[in-house]
Protein backbone atom coordinates (compact mmCIF):
# COMPACT_ATOMS: atom_id res chain seq x y z
CA MET A 1 31.27 99.92 57.57
CA PRO A 2 34.70 99.85 58.58
CA THR A 3 36.11 103.13 59.10
CA HIS A 4 39.04 104.98 56.92
CA ARG A 5 41.76 104.28 59.64
CA LEU A 6 40.41 100.53 59.63
CA ARG A 7 40.55 100.35 56.01
CA ARG A 8 43.88 102.06 55.93
CA PHE A 9 45.41 99.68 58.54
CA LEU A 10 43.87 96.54 56.66
CA ASN A 11 45.50 98.07 53.55
CA LEU A 12 48.71 98.46 54.90
CA LEU A 13 48.86 95.15 56.40
CA ALA A 14 48.13 93.54 53.08
CA GLY A 15 50.82 95.62 51.87
CA LEU A 16 53.47 94.52 54.15
CA ARG A 17 52.28 91.07 53.51
CA ARG A 18 55.45 89.86 51.63
CA CYS A 19 58.21 91.45 53.75
CA THR A 20 60.63 89.59 55.62
CA VAL A 21 61.70 90.23 58.89
CA PRO A 22 64.64 92.04 58.07
CA ASP A 23 62.62 94.27 55.94
CA LEU A 24 60.10 94.95 58.93
CA ILE A 25 62.71 95.76 61.66
CA PRO A 26 63.49 99.10 60.36
CA ILE A 27 60.18 100.03 59.73
CA VAL A 28 58.89 99.38 63.24
CA ARG A 29 62.14 100.96 64.66
CA GLU A 30 62.38 104.39 63.06
CA GLN A 31 59.98 107.12 64.21
CA ARG A 32 59.70 108.83 60.84
CA HIS A 33 57.29 106.31 59.40
CA PRO A 34 53.55 106.65 60.20
CA LEU A 35 52.26 105.09 63.45
CA LEU A 36 49.69 102.98 61.53
CA LEU A 37 52.67 101.52 59.43
CA ARG A 38 54.79 100.78 62.49
CA VAL A 39 52.06 98.93 64.05
CA ALA A 40 50.93 97.00 60.83
CA ALA A 41 54.67 96.08 60.41
CA LEU A 42 54.71 94.95 64.33
CA ARG A 43 51.83 92.78 63.52
CA TRP A 44 53.59 90.79 60.94
CA LEU A 45 56.67 90.82 62.69
CA ILE A 46 54.97 89.10 65.54
CA HIS A 47 53.11 86.65 63.14
CA LEU A 48 56.39 85.71 61.46
CA ALA A 49 58.71 85.20 65.00
CA PRO A 50 59.43 81.61 65.61
CA LEU A 51 57.98 79.58 68.30
CA GLU A 52 60.92 79.84 70.37
CA VAL A 53 60.36 83.52 70.79
CA THR A 54 56.81 83.75 71.07
CA GLN A 55 56.43 80.66 73.46
CA GLY A 56 53.20 79.82 72.15
CA ARG A 57 51.82 82.69 74.30
CA CYS A 58 48.58 85.07 73.99
CA TYR A 59 48.90 88.14 71.61
CA LEU A 60 49.95 90.79 74.22
CA ALA A 61 52.58 88.40 75.75
CA ARG A 62 54.23 87.58 72.24
CA ARG A 63 54.24 91.16 71.37
CA ARG A 64 56.54 91.91 74.42
CA LEU A 65 58.74 88.86 73.58
CA VAL A 66 59.16 90.02 70.02
CA ARG A 67 59.85 93.28 70.88
CA GLN A 68 62.48 92.30 73.14
CA HIS A 69 63.77 89.79 71.22
CA TYR A 70 63.99 92.17 67.97
CA GLY A 71 65.12 95.45 70.35
CA VAL A 72 62.10 97.62 68.77
């Protein structure tokens, strides 16, 4: 049985599914958004990043590369 926080996170992920990269960057950058929303947006940003940015690395390395590339 998923916890309330996990369920909320999964709902946020589903809600951000149709967002594009230009939509996600301000969400990740702005501190006024809840942390869980920013984390969900960052996951989509990592997923949508081109292979030239992620270089086929593991998730943590991709996350570092994406954050560096988009300046978030």
